[in-house]
PDB file of N, CA and C in Angstrom:
ATOM      1  N   MET A   1     -43.837  27.478  80.159  1.00  0.00           N
ATOM      2  CA  MET A   1     -42.848  27.894  81.118  1.00  0.00           C
ATOM      3  C   MET A   1     -41.764  28.734  80.431  1.00  0.00           C
ATOM      4  N   MET A   2     -41.266  29.673  81.164  1.00  0.00           N
ATOM      5  CA  MET A   2     -40.196  30.517  80.628  1.00  0.00           C
ATOM      6  C   MET A   2     -38.866  29.938  81.050  1.00  0.00           C
ATOM      7  N   SER A   3     -37.913  30.021  80.130  1.00  0.00           N
ATOM      8  CA  SER A   3     -36.590  29.514  80.466  1.00  0.00           C
ATOM      9  C   SER A   3     -35.844  30.528  81.311  1.00  0.00           C
ATOM     10  N   ALA A   4     -34.743  30.148  81.856  1.00  0.00           N
ATOM     11  CA  ALA A   4     -33.967  31.025  82.711  1.00  0.00           C
ATOM     12  C   ALA A   4     -33.391  32.201  81.928  1.00  0.00           C
ATOM     13  N   THR A   5     -33.027  31.952  80.683  1.00  0.00           N
ATOM     14  CA  THR A   5     -32.459  33.017  79.851  1.00  0.00           C
ATOM     15  C   THR A   5     -33.491  34.091  79.547  1.00  0.00           C
ATOM     16  N   SER A   6     -34.700  33.668  79.180  1.00  0.00           N
ATOM     17  CA  SER A   6     -35.733  34.652  78.863  1.00  0.00           C
ATOM     18  C   SER A   6     -36.166  35.419  80.122  1.00  0.00           C
ATOM     19  N   THR A   7     -36.177  34.751  81.264  1.00  0.00           N
ATOM     20  CA  THR A   7     -36.524  35.418  82.519  1.00  0.00           C
ATOM     21  C   THR A   7     -35.470  36.460  82.860  1.00  0.00           C
ATOM     22  N   LEU A   8     -34.207  36.106  82.681  1.00  0.00           N
ATOM     23  CA  LEU A   8     -33.123  37.046  82.962  1.00  0.00           C
ATOM     24  C   LEU A   8     -33.186  38.247  82.000  1.00  0.00           C
ATOM     25  N   ALA A   9     -33.451  37.989  80.725  1.00  0.00           N
ATOM     26  CA  ALA A   9     -33.555  39.072  79.744  1.00  0.00           C
ATOM     27  C   ALA A   9     -34.751  39.975  80.073  1.00  0.00           C
ATOM     28  N   LEU A  10     -35.851  39.372  80.510  1.00  0.00           N
ATOM     29  CA  LEU A  10     -37.045  40.138  80.826  1.00  0.00           C
ATOM     30  C   LEU A  10     -36.801  41.012  82.051  1.00  0.00           C
ATOM     31  N   THR A  11     -36.076  40.498  83.030  1.00  0.00           N
ATOM     32  CA  THR A  11     -35.819  41.313  84.221  1.00  0.00           C
ATOM     33  C   THR A  11     -34.890  42.485  83.893  1.00  0.00           C
ATOM     34  N   HIS A  12     -33.928  42.288  82.978  1.00  0.00           N
ATOM     35  CA  HIS A  12     -33.079  43.413  82.560  1.00  0.00           C
ATOM     36  C   HIS A  12     -33.891  44.440  81.792  1.00  0.00           C
ATOM     37  N   PHE A  13     -34.817  43.974  80.972  1.00  0.00           N
ATOM     38  CA  PHE A  13     -35.641  44.902  80.185  1.00  0.00           C
ATOM     39  C   PHE A  13     -36.552  45.719  81.085  1.00  0.00           C
ATOM     40  N   VAL A  14     -37.120  45.087  82.105  1.00  0.00           N
ATOM     41  CA  VAL A  14     -38.005  45.791  83.020  1.00  0.00           C
ATOM     42  C   VAL A  14     -37.233  46.842  83.806  1.00  0.00           C
ATOM     43  N   THR A  15     -36.018  46.553  84.220  1.00  0.00           N
ATOM     44  CA  THR A  15     -35.233  47.548  84.938  1.00  0.00           C
ATOM     45  C   THR A  15     -34.871  48.715  84.036  1.00  0.00           C
ATOM     46  N   LEU A  16     -34.654  48.463  82.757  1.00  0.00           N
ATOM     47  CA  LEU A  16     -34.399  49.564  81.832  1.00  0.00           C
ATOM     48  C   LEU A  16     -35.641  50.411  81.639  1.00  0.00           C
ATOM     49  N   ALA A  17     -36.788  49.772  81.628  1.00  0.00           N
ATOM     50  CA  ALA A  17     -38.055  50.492  81.463  1.00  0.00           C
ATOM     51  C   ALA A  17     -38.342  51.365  82.675  1.00  0.00           C
ATOM     52  N   ASP A  18     -37.905  50.950  83.863  1.00  0.00           N
ATOM     53  CA  ASP A  18     -38.127  51.768  85.039  1.00  0.00           C
ATOM     54  C   ASP A  18     -37.244  53.019  85.047  1.00  0.00           C
ATOM     55  N   THR A  19     -36.054  52.926  84.464  1.00  0.00           N
ATOM     56  CA  THR A  19     -35.166  54.083  84.433  1.00  0.00           C
ATOM     57  C   THR A  19     -35.512  55.044  83.304  1.00  0.00           C
ATOM     58  N   PHE A  20     -36.424  54.663  82.421  1.00  0.00           N
ATOM     59  CA  PHE A  20     -36.817  55.514  81.293  1.00  0.00           C
ATOM     60  C   PHE A  20     -37.619  56.709  81.824  1.00  0.00           C
ATOM     61  N   ASP A  21     -37.228  57.913  81.449  1.00  0.00           N
ATOM     62  CA  ASP A  21     -37.906  59.123  81.883  1.00  0.00           C
ATOM     63  C   ASP A  21     -39.157  59.338  81.030  1.00  0.00           C
ATOM     64  N   LYS A  22     -40.321  59.246  81.626  1.00  0.00           N
ATOM     65  CA  LYS A  22     -41.568  59.358  80.895  1.00  0.00           C
ATOM     66  C   LYS A  22     -41.858  60.779  80.448  1.00  0.00           C
ATOM     67  N   ASP A  23     -41.180  61.776  81.033  1.00  0.00           N
ATOM     68  CA  ASP A  23     -41.355  63.172  80.646  1.00  0.00           C
ATOM     69  C   ASP A  23     -40.442  63.595  79.488  1.00  0.00           C
ATOM     70  N   LYS A  24     -39.522  62.728  79.132  1.00  0.00           N
ATOM     71  CA  LYS A  24     -38.558  63.044  78.063  1.00  0.00           C
ATOM     72  C   LYS A  24     -39.157  62.643  76.708  1.00  0.00           C
ATOM     73  N   VAL A  25     -39.072  63.541  75.752  1.00  0.00           N
ATOM     74  CA  VAL A  25     -39.626  63.288  74.417  1.00  0.00           C
ATOM     75  C   VAL A  25     -38.504  62.799  73.515  1.00  0.00           C
ATOM     76  N   THR A  26     -38.740  61.687  72.821  1.00  0.00           N
ATOM     77  CA  THR A  26     -37.765  61.142  71.874  1.00  0.00           C
ATOM     78  C   THR A  26     -38.417  61.085  70.493  1.00  0.00           C
ATOM     79  N   PRO A  27     -37.617  61.192  69.435  1.00  0.00           N
ATOM     80  CA  PRO A  27     -38.199  61.186  68.085  1.00  0.00           C
ATOM     81  C   PRO A  27     -38.761  59.837  67.679  1.00  0.00           C
ATOM     82  N   GLY A  28     -38.181  58.761  68.110  1.00  0.00           N
ATOM     83  CA  GLY A  28     -38.696  57.426  67.809  1.00  0.00           C
ATOM     84  C   GLY A  28     -38.516  57.032  66.341  1.00  0.00           C
ATOM     85  N   VAL A  29     -39.249  56.034  65.942  1.00  0.00           N
ATOM     86  CA  VAL A  29     -39.139  55.472  64.596  1.00  0.00           C
ATOM     87  C   VAL A  29     -39.686  56.463  63.552  1.00  0.00           C
ATOM     88  N   LEU A  30     -40.779  57.129  63.865  1.00  0.00           N
ATOM     89  CA  LEU A  30     -41.352  58.102  62.917  1.00  0.00           C
ATOM     90  C   LEU A  30     -40.368  59.233  62.624  1.00  0.00           C
ATOM     91  N   GLY A  31     -39.676  59.711  63.637  1.00  0.00           N
ATOM     92  CA  GLY A  31     -38.672  60.753  63.441  1.00  0.00           C
ATOM     93  C   GLY A  31     -37.547  60.274  62.538  1.00  0.00           C
ATOM     94  N   PHE A  32     -37.112  59.040  62.713  1.00  0.00           N
ATOM     95  CA  PHE A  32     -36.061  58.503  61.869  1.00  0.00           C
ATOM     96  C   PHE A  32     -36.532  58.377  60.424  1.00  0.00           C
ATOM     97  N   ILE A  33     -37.768  57.921  60.235  1.00  0.00           N
ATOM     98  CA  ILE A  33     -38.310  57.763  58.872  1.00  0.00           C
ATOM     99  C   ILE A  33     -38.406  59.113  58.183  1.00  0.00           C
ATOM    100  N   VAL A  34     -38.909  60.119  58.884  1.00  0.00           N
ATOM    101  CA  VAL A  34     -39.013  61.467  58.304  1.00  0.00           C
ATOM    102  C   VAL A  34     -37.637  62.009  57.956  1.00  0.00           C
ATOM    103  N   PHE A  35     -36.679  61.841  58.846  1.00  0.00           N
ATOM    104  CA  PHE A  35     -35.312  62.307  58.619  1.00  0.00           C
ATOM    105  C   PHE A  35     -34.692  61.588  57.423  1.00  0.00           C
ATOM    106  N   ALA A  36     -34.937  60.282  57.292  1.00  0.00           N
ATOM    107  CA  ALA A  36     -34.387  59.515  56.175  1.00  0.00           C
ATOM    108  C   ALA A  36     -35.027  59.963  54.857  1.00  0.00           C
ATOM    109  N   VAL A  37     -36.324  60.230  54.855  1.00  0.00           N
ATOM    110  CA  VAL A  37     -36.988  60.704  53.642  1.00  0.00           C
ATOM    111  C   VAL A  37     -36.468  62.072  53.215  1.00  0.00           C
ATOM    112  N   ILE A  38     -36.287  62.964  54.186  1.00  0.00           N
ATOM    113  CA  ILE A  38     -35.747  64.283  53.863  1.00  0.00           C
ATOM    114  C   ILE A  38     -34.320  64.162  53.322  1.00  0.00           C
ATOM    115  N   GLY A  39     -33.519  63.305  53.928  1.00  0.00           N
ATOM    116  CA  GLY A  39     -32.142  63.081  53.437  1.00  0.00           C
ATOM    117  C   GLY A  39     -32.131  62.528  52.030  1.00  0.00           C
ATOM    118  N   GLY A  40     -33.031  61.571  51.751  1.00  0.00           N
ATOM    119  CA  GLY A  40     -33.127  61.019  50.394  1.00  0.00           C
ATOM    120  C   GLY A  40     -33.570  62.057  49.380  1.00  0.00           C
ATOM    121  N   ALA A  41     -34.504  62.921  49.784  1.00  0.00           N
ATOM    122  CA  ALA A  41     -34.971  63.989  48.875  1.00  0.00           C
ATOM    123  C   ALA A  41     -33.849  64.967  48.566  1.00  0.00           C
ATOM    124  N   VAL A  42     -33.088  65.330  49.567  1.00  0.00           N
ATOM    125  CA  VAL A  42     -31.955  66.238  49.352  1.00  0.00           C
ATOM    126  C   VAL A  42     -30.925  65.607  48.437  1.00  0.00           C
ATOM    127  N   TRP A  43     -30.672  64.315  48.624  1.00  0.00           N
ATOM    128  CA  TRP A  43     -29.702  63.626  47.762  1.00  0.00           C
ATOM    129  C   TRP A  43     -30.170  63.626  46.309  1.00  0.00           C
ATOM    130  N   LEU A  44     -31.462  63.331  46.096  1.00  0.00           N
ATOM    131  CA  LEU A  44     -32.011  63.324  44.730  1.00  0.00           C
ATOM    132  C   LEU A  44     -31.968  64.722  44.108  1.00  0.00           C
ATOM    133  N   LEU A  45     -32.280  65.746  44.898  1.00  0.00           N
ATOM    134  CA  LEU A  45     -32.228  67.113  44.385  1.00  0.00           C
ATOM    135  C   LEU A  45     -30.805  67.529  44.008  1.00  0.00           C
ATOM    136  N   MET A  46     -29.833  67.140  44.825  1.00  0.00           N
ATOM    137  CA  MET A  46     -28.430  67.466  44.521  1.00  0.00           C
ATOM    138  C   MET A  46     -27.985  66.746  43.249  1.00  0.00           C
ATOM    139  N   LYS A  47     -28.417  65.503  43.098  1.00  0.00           N
ATOM    140  CA  LYS A  47     -28.061  64.730  41.898  1.00  0.00           C
ATOM    141  C   LYS A  47     -28.657  65.388  40.653  1.00  0.00           C
ATOM    142  N   SER A  48     -29.918  65.820  40.745  1.00  0.00           N
ATOM    143  CA  SER A  48     -30.573  66.475  39.623  1.00  0.00           C
ATOM    144  C   SER A  48     -29.914  67.825  39.308  1.00  0.00           C
ATOM    145  N   MET A  49     -29.548  68.574  40.370  1.00  0.00           N
ATOM    146  CA  MET A  49     -28.903  69.864  40.164  1.00  0.00           C
ATOM    147  C   MET A  49     -27.557  69.695  39.459  1.00  0.00           C
ATOM    148  N   ASN A  50     -26.794  68.684  39.858  1.00  0.00           N
ATOM    149  CA  ASN A  50     -25.508  68.444  39.203  1.00  0.00           C
ATOM    150  C   ASN A  50     -25.693  68.092  37.732  1.00  0.00           C
ATOM    151  N   LYS A  51     -26.716  67.330  37.422  1.00  0.00           N
ATOM    152  CA  LYS A  51     -26.987  66.961  36.038  1.00  0.00           C
ATOM    153  C   LYS A  51     -27.336  68.209  35.225  1.00  0.00           C
ATOM    154  N   HIS A  52     -28.143  69.090  35.786  1.00  0.00           N
ATOM    155  CA  HIS A  52     -28.528  70.307  35.063  1.00  0.00           C
ATOM    156  C   HIS A  52     -27.350  71.295  34.956  1.00  0.00           C
ATOM    157  N   MET A  53     -26.527  71.352  35.973  1.00  0.00           N
ATOM    158  CA  MET A  53     -25.383  72.287  35.922  1.00  0.00           C
ATOM    159  C   MET A  53     -24.343  71.847  34.896  1.00  0.00           C
ATOM    160  N   LYS A  54     -24.239  70.543  34.657  1.00  0.00           N
ATOM    161  CA  LYS A  54     -23.301  70.060  33.633  1.00  0.00           C
ATOM    162  C   LYS A  54     -23.743  70.471  32.237  1.00  0.00           C
ATOM    163  N   LYS A  55     -25.034  70.712  32.042  1.00  0.00           N
ATOM    164  CA  LYS A  55     -25.548  71.104  30.740  1.00  0.00           C
ATOM    165  C   LYS A  55     -25.292  72.586  30.435  1.00  0.00           C
ATOM    166  N   VAL A  56     -25.015  73.389  31.451  1.00  0.00           N
ATOM    167  CA  VAL A  56     -24.815  74.832  31.274  1.00  0.00           C
ATOM    168  C   VAL A  56     -23.508  75.065  30.538  1.00  0.00           C
ATOM    169  N   ASP A  57     -23.596  75.835  29.464  1.00  0.00           N
ATOM    170  CA  ASP A  57     -22.397  76.192  28.691  1.00  0.00           C
ATOM    171  C   ASP A  57     -22.221  77.693  28.803  1.00  0.00           C
ATOM    172  N   PHE A  58     -21.350  78.099  29.678  1.00  0.00           N
ATOM    173  CA  PHE A  58     -21.152  79.519  29.948  1.00  0.00           C
ATOM    174  C   PHE A  58     -19.717  79.893  29.587  1.00  0.00           C
ATOM    175  N   GLU A  59     -19.609  80.816  28.615  1.00  0.00           N
ATOM    176  CA  GLU A  59     -18.297  81.347  28.249  1.00  0.00           C
ATOM    177  C   GLU A  59     -18.303  82.839  28.483  1.00  0.00           C
ATOM    178  N   GLU A  60     -17.377  83.297  29.281  1.00  0.00           N
ATOM    179  CA  GLU A  60     -17.317  84.706  29.625  1.00  0.00           C
ATOM    180  C   GLU A  60     -16.695  85.496  28.492  1.00  0.00           C
ATOM    181  N   GLN A  61     -17.315  86.640  28.159  1.00  0.00           N
ATOM    182  CA  GLN A  61     -16.806  87.501  27.096  1.00  0.00           C
ATOM    183  C   GLN A  61     -15.752  88.448  27.664  1.00  0.00           C
ATOM    184  N   PRO A  62     -14.823  88.888  26.845  1.00  0.00           N
ATOM    185  CA  PRO A  62     -13.821  89.845  27.313  1.00  0.00           C
ATOM    186  C   PRO A  62     -14.484  91.177  27.708  1.00  0.00           C
ATOM    187  N   GLN A  63     -13.800  91.947  28.562  1.00  0.00           N
ATOM    188  CA  GLN A  63     -14.351  93.214  29.056  1.00  0.00           C
ATOM    189  C   GLN A  63     -14.608  94.212  27.930  1.00  0.00           C
ATOM    190  N   GLY A  64     -13.783  94.289  26.888  1.00  0.00           N
ATOM    191  CA  GLY A  64     -13.899  95.285  25.827  1.00  0.00           C
ATOM    192  C   GLY A  64     -15.153  95.130  24.990  1.00  0.00           C
ATOM    193  N   SER A  65     -15.624  93.929  24.791  1.00  0.00           N
ATOM    194  CA  SER A  65     -16.767  93.712  23.914  1.00  0.00           C
ATOM    195  C   SER A  65     -18.094  93.668  24.687  1.00  0.00           C
ATOM    196  N   GLU A  66     -18.065  94.095  25.940  1.00  0.00           N
ATOM    197  CA  GLU A  66     -19.290  94.027  26.732  1.00  0.00           C
ATOM    198  C   GLU A  66     -20.336  95.027  26.257  1.00  0.00           C
ATOM    199  N   ALA A  67     -19.938  96.236  25.852  1.00  0.00           N
ATOM    200  CA  ALA A  67     -20.908  97.240  25.425  1.00  0.00           C
ATOM    201  C   ALA A  67     -21.557  96.829  24.114  1.00  0.00           C
ATOM    202  N   GLY A  68     -20.834  96.234  23.183  1.00  0.00           N
ATOM    203  CA  GLY A  68     -21.410  95.820  21.909  1.00  0.00           C
ATOM    204  C   GLY A  68     -22.245  94.548  22.045  1.00  0.00           C
ATOM    205  N   GLY A  69     -21.937  93.737  23.022  1.00  0.00           N
ATOM    206  CA  GLY A  69     -22.655  92.480  23.205  1.00  0.00           C
ATOM    207  C   GLY A  69     -24.020  92.645  23.821  1.00  0.00           C
ATOM    208  N   THR A  70     -24.243  93.734  24.574  1.00  0.00           N
ATOM    209  CA  THR A  70     -25.537  93.885  25.230  1.00  0.00           C
ATOM    210  C   THR A  70     -26.621  94.242  24.226  1.00  0.00           C
ATOM    211  N   ALA A  71     -26.319  95.006  23.199  1.00  0.00           N
ATOM    212  CA  ALA A  71     -27.324  95.364  22.219  1.00  0.00           C
ATOM    213  C   ALA A  71     -27.741  94.155  21.378  1.00  0.00           C
ATOM    214  N   SER A  72     -26.790  93.322  21.031  1.00  0.00           N
ATOM    215  CA  SER A  72     -27.139  92.136  20.242  1.00  0.00           C
ATOM    216  C   SER A  72     -27.823  91.075  21.116  1.00  0.00           C
ATOM    217  N   ALA A  73     -27.552  91.068  22.405  1.00  0.00           N
ATOM    218  CA  ALA A  73     -28.198  90.098  23.269  1.00  0.00           C
ATOM    219  C   ALA A  73     -29.653  90.457  23.516  1.00  0.00           C
ATOM    220  N   ALA A  74     -30.007  91.730  23.368  1.00  0.00           N
ATOM    221  CA  ALA A  74     -31.369  92.163  23.606  1.00  0.00           C
ATOM    222  C   ALA A  74     -32.291  91.692  22.497  1.00  0.00           C
ATOM    223  N   GLY A  75     -31.760  91.370  21.342  1.00  0.00           N
ATOM    224  CA  GLY A  75     -32.570  90.886  20.239  1.00  0.00           C
ATOM    225  C   GLY A  75     -32.828  91.996  19.225  1.00  0.00           C
ATOM    226  N   PRO A  76     -33.563  91.701  18.168  1.00  0.00           N
ATOM    227  CA  PRO A  76     -33.814  92.721  17.148  1.00  0.00           C
ATOM    228  C   PRO A  76     -34.761  93.805  17.664  1.00  0.00           C
ATOM    229  N   GLU A  77     -34.554  95.010  17.149  1.00  0.00           N
ATOM    230  CA  GLU A  77     -35.387  96.101  17.574  1.00  0.00           C
ATOM    231  C   GLU A  77     -36.760  96.016  16.886  1.00  0.00           C
ATOM    232  N   PRO A  78     -37.820  96.413  17.573  1.00  0.00           N
ATOM    233  CA  PRO A  78     -39.161  96.329  16.968  1.00  0.00           C
ATOM    234  C   PRO A  78     -39.305  97.336  15.819  1.00  0.00           C
ATOM    235  N   LYS A  79     -40.032  96.964  14.795  1.00  0.00           N
ATOM    236  CA  LYS A  79     -40.258  97.830  13.634  1.00  0.00           C
ATOM    237  C   LYS A  79     -41.362  98.818  13.965  1.00  0.00           C
ATOM    238  N   THR A  80     -41.134 100.059  13.578  1.00  0.00           N
ATOM    239  CA  THR A  80     -42.171 101.076  13.799  1.00  0.00           C
ATOM    240  C   THR A  80     -42.782 101.469  12.472  1.00  0.00           C
ATOM    241  N   GLY A  81     -44.048 101.643  12.471  1.00  0.00           N
ATOM    242  CA  GLY A  81     -44.709 102.245  11.404  1.00  0.00           C
ATOM    243  C   GLY A  81     -45.214 101.674  10.251  1.00  0.00           C
TER     244      GLY A  81
END
């Protein structure tokens, strides 16, 4: 036998099911899981990017030494002959 409380809860649930639009598409549990996985992946990628960006050691050279710095940055010239 069902108790009065469960019968009352069941009747409320059935009325909610009747008002549900069967033509309306909802993402459901699978949509939430996919969204959570994508969010977790973005968080991990941002964490990894921050770790790699902290390793970058960039010091800007003054404007005057830019012409002399490009030849040395290209490396040694190849030997001919």
